Amino acid sequence: MQYLPNLFFALALIAGMGFFLMNIRKVSRNIKLGKDVNRTDKKPERLKNMIMIALGQSKMIKRPLSGFLHIIVYVGFIIINIEVLEIIIDGLFGTHRIFQVPLGNEIYGFLIGTFEVLATLVFVAVVIFWLRRNVSNIKRFLSKEMKGWPKNDGNNILYFEMVLMSLFLIMNATDTPFQQAGIGNVVSQFISPLFDGFSLEVIHTIERSAWWFHILGILVFLNYLFYSKHLHILLAFPNTYFANLNLKGQFTNLESVTTEVKLMMDPDADPYAAPPEGAEDTVPEKFGASDVADLNWVQLLNAYTCTECGRCTSVCPANLTGKELSPRKIMMDTRDRLEEVGRNIDLNKGTFVDDGKQLLNDYISPEELWACTSCNACVEECPVNIDPLSIIMDMRRYLVMEESAAPQELNMMMTNIENNGAPWQYNQQDRLNWADEE
């Protein structure tokens, strides 16, 4: 019976970490459903991006209030969880505040005091975030894609953080030896008097309960990430590292199409000649993308990394003028479809069985795609370097090249280019008349 709590703790730790790793393997498997793309170039620049954007939060502070609050929560989340190491050791071996003796009261008190201050700041920041989401009527939190689960998910995480920070402070406030030592209790000393009327046994029970709920809550929070937009806590780092480093506005070209166009424009070219060594000599099985498996793995990583903050949609000129397009919805729909495909694979023992659905039409409509102005505002604004535009352009490519389903205006322009060598409808003999005008 003496070691029963330690055994229970070990089982809870193994179960929590095991379930988390199992779910991360599913995420990895789903991302790898995407087509290959090489993002191994410019490693120093990629590392700098990851350090500045994911670790340093450099793009978050473009909006000072929300950026500052997010940094508080981010820093607090990282630093406070250092104490989880002590909790794990105490839980496994039945010790209590095992780091206090080797670190000494001065260093240990400084650390715990820092944790308490950060926990308080995180609690305050989270309350402000909740008010912004639920009371302030900020437009980007009121979009139709933020109804139902997305709204609840955002609030659930805030509730989680409020409870975890409260449990941490209550745990310290009811730890009688810790309070009597007077080291590091810079915040909990003001909470401790609330329990003055309780017996030592009851206070000890409260302290143990807060300790258990705190660590179990962290394990539940860790596994909740898989079902939540807050998976970006982990994926923001690889996402910023593997982000597209090309100049914004530089689109990808299909080599087979480029080769064919060059042949058409070169009067001396032999259309039957063998392609140059190393060049692509086969036509892709599909032009563009109609479903998640047609996208590349970085685009699928983007979908899982989306924070649903709505900064992209808030600067989208199409959305601002009332059109259907929301870059945030593009990413959310891609992730939802990818999750649906993943569940299909799980149910069918590792093989995808056609479900009669696809990302195009069932999740994202052509109307949304053609509303995009390709201005890159969404890409520039994203705090973790997500690229909704690349998905939009790949799906447009499918509509044009596979289904000939471009809007009438675009079809007219392409017909004019084909027939007249210019976007406008006039005779080729008249195309140089402008040079004769005085």
Protein backbone atom coordinates (compact mmCIF):
# COMPACT_ATOMS: atom_id res chain seq x y z
CA MET A 1 0.00 0.00 0.00
CA GLN A 2 2.93 2.34 0.67
CA TYR A 3 3.96 2.35 -3.00
CA LEU A 4 0.44 2.31 -4.47
CA PRO A 5 0.39 6.08 -5.23
CA ASN A 6 3.78 5.77 -6.97
CA LEU A 7 2.52 2.84 -9.04
CA PHE A 8 -0.64 4.70 -9.97
CA PHE A 9 1.43 7.75 -10.95
CA ALA A 10 3.75 5.64 -13.12
CA LEU A 11 0.78 4.02 -14.88
CA ALA A 12 -0.87 7.40 -15.47
CA LEU A 13 2.40 8.80 -16.84
CA ILE A 14 2.94 5.83 -19.16
CA ALA A 15 -0.68 5.90 -20.37
CA GLY A 16 -0.63 9.66 -20.95
CA MET A 17 2.68 9.69 -22.79
CA GLY A 18 1.84 6.52 -24.72
CA PHE A 19 -1.50 7.89 -25.97
CA PHE A 20 0.20 11.16 -26.92
CA LEU A 21 2.92 9.40 -28.93
CA MET A 22 0.31 7.22 -30.66
CA ASN A 23 -1.62 10.29 -31.75
CA ILE A 24 1.54 12.10 -32.89
CA ARG A 25 2.31 9.07 -35.08
CA LYS A 26 -1.13 9.49 -36.66
CA VAL A 27 -0.44 13.16 -37.34
CA SER A 28 2.92 12.25 -38.88
CA ARG A 29 1.30 9.54 -40.99
CA ASN A 30 -1.37 11.94 -42.25
CA ILE A 31 1.18 14.62 -43.14
CA LYS A 32 3.19 12.08 -45.10
CA LEU A 33 0.14 11.40 -47.29
CA GLY A 34 1.13 14.59 -49.10
CA LYS A 35 3.38 14.66 -52.13
CA ASP A 36 7.09 15.11 -51.68
CA VAL A 37 8.65 18.57 -51.83
CA ASN A 38 12.26 19.44 -51.15
CA ARG A 39 12.72 21.88 -48.27
CA THR A 40 16.30 21.01 -47.30
CA ASP A 41 17.94 24.06 -48.88
CA LYS A 42 19.18 27.23 -47.12
CA LYS A 43 19.46 25.56 -43.73
CA PRO A 44 20.91 28.60 -41.89
CA GLU A 45 18.03 30.77 -43.10
CA ARG A 46 15.50 28.12 -42.13
CA LEU A 47 17.02 27.80 -38.66
CA LYS A 48 16.95 31.58 -38.26
CA ASN A 49 13.26 31.63 -39.25
CA MET A 50 12.43 28.97 -36.68
CA ILE A 51 14.33 30.78 -33.91
CA MET A 52 12.91 34.22 -34.73
CA ILE A 53 9.33 33.28 -35.56
CA ALA A 54 8.48 30.11 -33.62
CA LEU A 55 10.73 30.61 -30.60
CA GLY A 56 11.06 34.40 -30.62
CA GLN A 57 7.42 35.13 -31.55
CA SER A 58 8.62 37.97 -33.82
CA LYS A 59 5.48 38.07 -35.98
CA MET A 60 3.10 37.92 -33.01
CA ILE A 61 4.06 41.35 -31.74
CA LYS A 62 2.90 43.05 -34.95
CA ARG A 63 -0.37 43.34 -33.03
CA PRO A 64 0.95 44.66 -29.70
CA LEU A 65 -1.84 43.77 -27.26
CA SER A 66 -2.57 40.21 -28.36
CA GLY A 67 1.13 39.69 -29.11
CA PHE A 68 2.21 40.76 -25.63
CA LEU A 69 -0.44 38.60 -23.95
CA HIS A 70 0.50 35.62 -26.12
CA ILE A 71 4.18 36.00 -25.18
CA ILE A 72 3.23 35.97 -21.48
CA VAL A 73 1.27 32.74 -21.93
CA TYR A 74 3.98 31.25 -24.16
CA VAL A 75 6.89 32.05 -21.81
CA GLY A 76 4.86 31.02 -18.78
CA PHE A 77 3.86 27.74 -20.41
CA ILE A 78 7.51 26.86 -21.13
CA ILE A 79 9.10 27.99 -17.88
CA ILE A 80 6.42 26.84 -15.44
CA ASN A 81 6.50 23.37 -16.96
CA ILE A 82 10.14 23.05 -15.90
CA GLU A 83 8.63 22.25 -12.51
CA VAL A 84 6.88 19.26 -14.07
CA LEU A 85 10.26 17.48 -13.98
CA GLU A 86 10.30 17.79 -10.18
CA ILE A 87 6.68 16.63 -9.98
CA ILE A 88 7.46 13.54 -12.10
CA ILE A 89 10.43 12.60 -9.92
CA ASP A 90 8.41 13.16 -6.74
CA GLY A 91 5.54 11.11 -8.15
CA LEU A 92 7.70 8.17 -9.20
CA PHE A 93 9.86 7.96 -6.08
CA GLY A 94 7.55 9.33 -3.39
CA THR A 95 9.78 12.33 -2.58
CA HIS A 96 8.60 15.88 -1.93
CA ARG A 97 10.19 18.93 -3.59
CA ILE A 98 13.30 16.90 -4.34
CA PHE A 99 15.15 19.81 -5.97
CA GLN A 100 14.99 22.00 -2.87
CA VAL A 101 17.96 20.43 -1.08
CA PRO A 102 20.45 20.13 -3.98
CA LEU A 103 19.61 23.59 -5.36
CA GLY A 104 19.52 25.28 -1.97
CA ASN A 105 16.83 27.56 -0.60
CA GLU A 106 18.07 30.64 -2.45
CA ILE A 107 18.08 29.21 -5.98
CA TYR A 108 15.03 27.01 -5.40
CA GLY A 109 13.11 29.91 -3.91
CA PHE A 110 14.01 32.12 -6.87
CA LEU A 111 12.77 29.46 -9.32
CA ILE A 112 9.49 28.77 -7.53
CA GLY A 113 8.92 32.49 -7.02
CA THR A 114 9.41 33.05 -10.74
CA PHE A 115 6.99 30.23 -11.49
CA GLU A 116 4.37 31.76 -9.19
CA VAL A 117 4.66 35.22 -10.75
CA LEU A 118 4.42 33.74 -14.25
CA ALA A 119 1.44 31.59 -13.24
CA THR A 120 -0.37 34.70 -12.03
CA LEU A 121 0.46 36.62 -15.20
CA VAL A 122 -0.65 33.69 -17.36
CA PHE A 123 -3.95 33.50 -15.46
CA VAL A 124 -4.57 37.23 -16.01
CA ALA A 125 -3.61 37.02 -19.69
CA VAL A 126 -5.90 34.04 -20.24
CA VAL A 127 -8.82 35.86 -18.64
CA ILE A 128 -8.21 38.79 -21.02
CA PHE A 129 -8.07 36.36 -23.95
CA TRP A 130 -11.41 34.88 -22.85
CA LEU A 131 -12.97 38.35 -22.67
CA ARG A 132 -11.64 39.19 -26.13
CA ARG A 133 -13.08 35.97 -27.57
CA ASN A 134 -16.45 36.04 -25.84
CA VAL A 135 -17.29 39.61 -24.85
CA SER A 136 -15.42 42.11 -27.02
CA ASN A 137 -17.08 41.07 -30.31
CA ILE A 138 -13.82 41.14 -32.27
CA LYS A 139 -14.81 40.46 -35.87
CA ARG A 140 -12.25 37.75 -36.62
CA PHE A 141 -13.63 35.61 -33.78
CA LEU A 142 -17.19 35.91 -35.07
CA SER A 143 -16.77 34.42 -38.56
CA LYS A 144 -19.03 31.53 -39.50
CA GLU A 145 -16.14 29.03 -39.49
CA MET A 146 -15.62 29.87 -35.81
CA LYS A 147 -19.01 28.60 -34.70
CA GLY A 148 -19.47 25.37 -32.76
CA TRP A 149 -16.36 23.28 -32.08
CA PRO A 150 -13.73 25.87 -33.12
CA LYS A 151 -15.18 28.40 -30.67
CA ASN A 152 -15.52 25.80 -27.91
CA ASP A 153 -12.02 24.51 -28.56
CA GLY A 154 -10.52 27.97 -28.12
CA ASN A 155 -12.40 28.41 -24.85
CA ASN A 156 -11.56 24.90 -23.61
CA ILE A 157 -7.85 25.64 -23.82
CA LEU A 158 -8.33 28.87 -21.87
CA TYR A 159 -10.26 27.00 -19.17
CA PHE A 160 -7.52 24.37 -19.05
CA GLU A 161 -4.86 27.03 -18.50
CA MET A 162 -6.90 28.84 -15.84
CA VAL A 163 -7.39 25.61 -13.90
CA LEU A 164 -3.76 24.47 -14.22
CA MET A 165 -2.39 27.82 -13.03
CA SER A 166 -4.88 27.91 -10.14
CA LEU A 167 -3.97 24.37 -9.08
CA PHE A 168 -0.27 25.24 -9.12
CA LEU A 169 -0.80 28.24 -6.82
CA ILE A 170 -3.19 26.35 -4.50
CA MET A 171 -0.70 23.47 -4.32
CA ASN A 172 1.99 25.87 -3.11
CA ALA A 173 -0.37 27.79 -0.81
CA THR A 174 -1.41 24.63 1.05
CA ASP A 175 2.08 23.13 1.28
CA THR A 176 2.62 23.92 4.96
CA PRO A 177 6.41 23.22 5.14
CA PHE A 178 6.93 25.28 1.97
CA GLN A 179 4.97 28.22 3.40
CA GLN A 180 6.75 27.99 6.75
CA ALA A 181 10.14 28.07 5.00
CA GLY A 182 9.09 31.31 3.29
CA ILE A 183 11.11 30.69 0.13
CA GLY A 184 9.62 31.41 -3.25
CA ASN A 185 6.06 31.88 -2.02
CA VAL A 186 5.80 35.38 -3.48
CA VAL A 187 2.19 34.88 -4.60
CA SER A 188 0.99 31.82 -2.71
CA GLN A 189 1.64 33.53 0.64
CA PHE A 190 -1.37 35.73 -0.09
CA ILE A 191 -3.54 32.71 -0.94
CA SER A 192 -2.45 30.65 2.08
CA PRO A 193 -4.52 32.66 4.64
CA LEU A 194 -7.69 31.50 2.86
CA PHE A 195 -7.07 28.06 4.42
CA ASP A 196 -6.32 29.24 7.98
CA GLY A 197 -9.55 27.82 9.38
CA PHE A 198 -8.82 24.26 8.17
CA SER A 199 -7.06 21.53 10.10
CA LEU A 200 -3.58 20.39 9.05
CA GLU A 201 -5.05 17.12 7.75
CA VAL A 202 -7.56 18.92 5.53
CA ILE A 203 -4.91 21.34 4.26
CA HIS A 204 -2.62 18.41 3.44
CA THR A 205 -5.49 16.71 1.59
CA ILE A 206 -6.10 19.88 -0.44
CA GLU A 207 -2.38 20.13 -1.24
CA ARG A 208 -2.21 16.49 -2.39
CA SER A 209 -5.40 16.85 -4.40
CA ALA A 210 -4.11 19.99 -6.12
CA TRP A 211 -0.80 18.20 -6.82
CA TRP A 212 -2.55 15.21 -8.41
CA PHE A 213 -5.04 17.25 -10.41
CA HIS A 214 -2.24 19.51 -11.62
CA ILE A 215 -0.08 16.71 -13.05
CA LEU A 216 -3.03 14.70 -14.37
CA GLY A 217 -4.40 17.89 -15.90
CA ILE A 218 -1.10 18.42 -17.71
CA LEU A 219 -1.29 14.88 -19.15
CA VAL A 220 -4.89 15.44 -20.25
CA PHE A 221 -3.91 18.81 -21.76
CA LEU A 222 -1.04 17.16 -23.63
CA ASN A 223 -3.39 14.65 -25.23
CA TYR A 224 -6.08 17.22 -25.89
CA LEU A 225 -3.65 18.96 -28.23
CA PHE A 226 -4.18 16.23 -30.83
CA TYR A 227 -7.87 17.16 -31.09
CA SER A 228 -7.27 20.89 -30.89
CA LYS A 229 -5.91 23.78 -32.92
CA HIS A 230 -3.32 24.10 -30.17
CA LEU A 231 -1.25 21.41 -31.82
CA HIS A 232 0.59 24.47 -33.15
CA ILE A 233 2.40 24.60 -29.79
CA LEU A 234 4.52 21.73 -31.13
CA LEU A 235 4.22 22.08 -34.91
CA ALA A 236 5.05 25.79 -35.18
CA PHE A 237 8.75 24.87 -34.99
CA PRO A 238 8.94 22.47 -37.97
CA ASN A 239 6.38 24.59 -39.84
CA THR A 240 8.53 27.73 -39.71
CA TYR A 241 11.65 25.72 -40.53
CA PHE A 242 10.17 24.11 -43.65
CA ALA A 243 8.31 27.24 -44.83
CA ASN A 244 8.67 28.40 -48.42
CA LEU A 245 11.65 30.78 -48.68
CA ASN A 246 10.99 31.92 -52.23
CA LEU A 247 9.89 35.48 -52.87
CA LYS A 248 6.19 35.98 -52.27
CA GLY A 249 4.40 36.04 -55.58
CA GLN A 250 6.74 33.47 -57.12
CA PHE A 251 4.47 30.57 -57.98
CA THR A 252 5.47 26.98 -58.64
CA ASN A 253 5.40 25.76 -62.22
CA LEU A 254 4.86 22.24 -63.51
CA GLU A 255 7.99 21.27 -65.41
CA SER A 256 6.06 19.28 -68.00
CA VAL A 257 3.86 22.29 -68.78
CA THR A 258 6.84 24.67 -68.87
CA THR A 259 8.64 22.38 -71.30
CA GLU A 260 5.61 22.20 -73.57
CA VAL A 261 5.19 25.98 -73.60
CA LYS A 262 8.87 26.44 -74.47
CA LEU A 263 8.45 24.02 -77.38
CA MET A 264 5.45 25.98 -78.64
CA MET A 265 7.40 29.25 -78.50
CA ASP A 266 10.57 27.90 -80.16
CA PRO A 267 10.12 27.56 -83.93
CA ASP A 268 13.28 25.47 -84.19
CA ALA A 269 12.36 23.01 -81.46
CA ASP A 270 11.71 19.36 -82.28
CA PRO A 271 8.54 18.30 -80.42
CA TYR A 272 9.55 14.65 -80.80
CA ALA A 273 13.05 15.05 -79.39
CA ALA A 274 13.92 13.27 -76.16
CA PRO A 275 13.82 15.52 -73.07
CA PRO A 276 17.15 16.78 -71.71
CA GLU A 277 18.89 14.59 -69.19
CA GLY A 278 17.40 15.05 -65.73
CA ALA A 279 14.27 16.74 -67.05
CA GLU A 280 10.79 15.48 -66.28
CA ASP A 281 9.65 13.25 -69.12
CA THR A 282 6.25 12.17 -67.86
CA VAL A 283 3.03 14.08 -67.41
CA PRO A 284 1.81 14.13 -63.78
CA GLU A 285 -1.18 11.89 -63.13
CA LYS A 286 -3.14 14.94 -62.05
CA PHE A 287 -2.66 18.64 -62.63
CA GLY A 288 -3.26 20.61 -59.46
CA ALA A 289 -5.11 19.36 -56.39
CA SER A 290 -8.65 18.24 -55.74
CA ASP A 291 -8.02 16.37 -52.48
CA VAL A 292 -5.52 16.41 -49.63
CA ALA A 293 -3.34 13.64 -51.11
CA ASP A 294 -2.69 15.92 -54.12
CA LEU A 295 -1.13 18.59 -51.88
CA ASN A 296 2.46 18.40 -50.69
CA TRP A 297 3.42 17.43 -47.16
CA VAL A 298 4.37 21.00 -46.16
CA GLN A 299 0.88 22.19 -47.07
CA LEU A 300 -0.58 19.43 -44.88
CA LEU A 301 1.81 20.41 -42.08
CA ASN A 302 0.49 23.98 -42.54
CA ALA A 303 -3.06 22.72 -42.03
CA TYR A 304 -2.20 21.02 -38.73
CA THR A 305 -0.23 24.09 -37.57
CA CYS A 306 -3.04 26.61 -38.14
CA THR A 307 -3.81 28.46 -34.90
CA GLU A 308 -7.23 29.67 -36.16
CA CYS A 309 -6.26 33.15 -34.96
CA GLY A 310 -7.90 34.70 -38.02
CA ARG A 311 -5.18 37.25 -38.72
CA CYS A 312 -5.05 35.99 -42.32
CA THR A 313 -8.78 36.45 -42.85
CA SER A 314 -8.78 39.86 -41.16
CA VAL A 315 -6.43 41.25 -43.85
CA CYS A 316 -7.86 39.34 -46.84
CA PRO A 317 -9.22 41.92 -49.33
CA ALA A 318 -11.68 39.40 -50.75
CA ASN A 319 -13.10 38.66 -47.31
CA LEU A 320 -13.17 42.35 -46.38
CA THR A 321 -15.36 43.06 -49.41
CA GLY A 322 -17.88 40.39 -48.42
CA LYS A 323 -16.78 37.52 -50.64
CA GLU A 324 -16.91 33.90 -49.48
CA LEU A 325 -13.15 33.42 -49.19
CA SER A 326 -11.59 33.06 -45.74
CA PRO A 327 -7.95 31.89 -45.75
CA ARG A 328 -8.43 30.58 -42.22
CA LYS A 329 -11.34 28.42 -43.42
CA ILE A 330 -9.16 27.06 -46.25
CA MET A 331 -6.68 25.77 -43.68
CA MET A 332 -9.37 24.48 -41.30
CA ASP A 333 -11.15 22.66 -44.14
CA THR A 334 -7.88 21.10 -45.29
CA ARG A 335 -7.18 19.84 -41.79
CA ASP A 336 -10.75 18.53 -41.36
CA ARG A 337 -10.57 16.63 -44.64
CA LEU A 338 -7.12 15.27 -43.76
CA GLU A 339 -8.46 14.05 -40.43
CA GLU A 340 -11.39 12.40 -42.23
CA VAL A 341 -8.98 10.63 -44.59
CA GLY A 342 -6.88 9.53 -41.60
CA ARG A 343 -9.90 8.02 -39.84
CA ASN A 344 -10.81 6.23 -43.08
CA ILE A 345 -7.31 4.70 -43.17
CA ASP A 346 -7.58 3.65 -39.52
CA LEU A 347 -10.96 1.97 -40.10
CA ASN A 348 -9.69 0.13 -43.18
CA LYS A 349 -6.50 -1.27 -41.67
CA GLY A 350 -4.04 1.14 -43.22
CA THR A 351 -5.66 1.57 -46.63
CA PHE A 352 -7.76 4.47 -47.85
CA VAL A 353 -11.11 3.40 -49.27
CA ASP A 354 -12.77 5.88 -51.62
CA ASP A 355 -15.50 7.66 -49.65
CA GLY A 356 -16.89 9.64 -52.57
CA LYS A 357 -15.65 12.91 -51.09
CA GLN A 358 -12.81 15.29 -51.79
CA LEU A 359 -11.50 18.59 -50.52
CA LEU A 360 -12.79 20.44 -53.56
CA ASN A 361 -16.57 20.99 -53.55
CA ASP A 362 -17.24 18.93 -50.39
CA TYR A 363 -15.21 21.29 -48.21
CA ILE A 364 -13.95 24.19 -50.32
CA SER A 365 -16.11 25.66 -53.09
CA PRO A 366 -14.84 27.04 -56.41
CA GLU A 367 -16.45 30.35 -55.44
CA GLU A 368 -14.04 30.63 -52.51
CA LEU A 369 -11.04 29.78 -54.67
CA TRP A 370 -11.81 32.27 -57.44
CA ALA A 371 -12.44 35.07 -54.95
CA CYS A 372 -8.72 35.08 -54.07
CA THR A 373 -6.71 37.99 -55.49
CA SER A 374 -3.40 36.13 -54.87
CA CYS A 375 -2.10 39.20 -53.03
CA ASN A 376 -0.24 37.15 -50.38
CA ALA A 377 -1.60 39.27 -47.50
CA CYS A 378 -2.63 36.10 -45.66
CA VAL A 379 0.86 34.60 -46.03
CA GLU A 380 2.53 37.79 -44.84
CA GLU A 381 0.24 38.10 -41.80
CA CYS A 382 0.39 34.52 -40.49
CA PRO A 383 2.39 34.41 -37.22
CA VAL A 384 3.72 30.88 -37.99
CA ASN A 385 4.38 31.17 -41.75
CA ILE A 386 1.37 29.24 -43.04
CA ASP A 387 0.69 29.57 -46.78
CA PRO A 388 -3.04 29.30 -47.62
CA LEU A 389 -2.41 30.79 -51.07
CA SER A 390 -0.40 27.77 -52.24
CA ILE A 391 -3.39 25.49 -51.58
CA ILE A 392 -5.75 27.90 -53.34
CA MET A 393 -3.50 28.07 -56.42
CA ASP A 394 -3.08 24.28 -56.61
CA MET A 395 -6.84 23.81 -56.47
CA ARG A 396 -7.35 26.52 -59.10
CA ARG A 397 -4.84 24.70 -61.29
CA TYR A 398 -6.96 21.56 -61.01
CA LEU A 399 -10.12 23.44 -61.95
CA VAL A 400 -8.48 24.97 -65.03
CA MET A 401 -6.33 22.11 -66.30
CA GLU A 402 -8.41 19.08 -65.31
CA GLU A 403 -11.99 20.32 -65.43
CA SER A 404 -11.78 23.40 -67.70
CA ALA A 405 -13.90 25.03 -65.03
CA ALA A 406 -12.45 28.54 -64.92
CA PRO A 407 -14.82 31.52 -64.71
CA GLN A 408 -16.05 32.86 -68.03
CA GLU A 409 -13.90 35.99 -67.81
CA LEU A 410 -10.76 33.92 -67.34
CA ASN A 411 -11.69 31.53 -70.16
CA MET A 412 -12.17 34.51 -72.48
CA MET A 413 -8.78 35.91 -71.52
CA MET A 414 -7.02 32.57 -72.10
CA THR A 415 -8.81 32.16 -75.46
CA ASN A 416 -7.66 35.63 -76.49
CA ILE A 417 -4.08 34.83 -75.51
CA GLU A 418 -4.23 31.61 -77.51
CA ASN A 419 -5.75 33.25 -80.60
CA ASN A 420 -4.44 36.81 -80.46
CA GLY A 421 -1.28 36.58 -78.38
CA ALA A 422 -2.78 39.08 -75.90
CA PRO A 423 -5.55 39.12 -73.25
CA TRP A 424 -7.72 41.44 -75.37
CA GLN A 425 -10.01 40.53 -78.22
CA TYR A 426 -8.68 42.04 -81.39
CA ASN A 427 -7.05 40.92 -84.62
CA GLN A 428 -3.40 39.94 -84.38
CA GLN A 429 -2.63 42.34 -87.23
CA ASP A 430 -3.74 45.22 -84.99
CA ARG A 431 -1.69 44.33 -81.94
CA LEU A 432 1.16 46.75 -82.77
CA ASN A 433 -1.05 49.68 -83.71
CA TRP A 434 -0.27 51.35 -80.41
CA ALA A 435 3.30 51.95 -81.62
CA ASP A 436 2.01 54.09 -84.49
CA GLU A 437 -0.03 56.38 -82.26
CA GLU A 438 1.40 59.82 -81.62
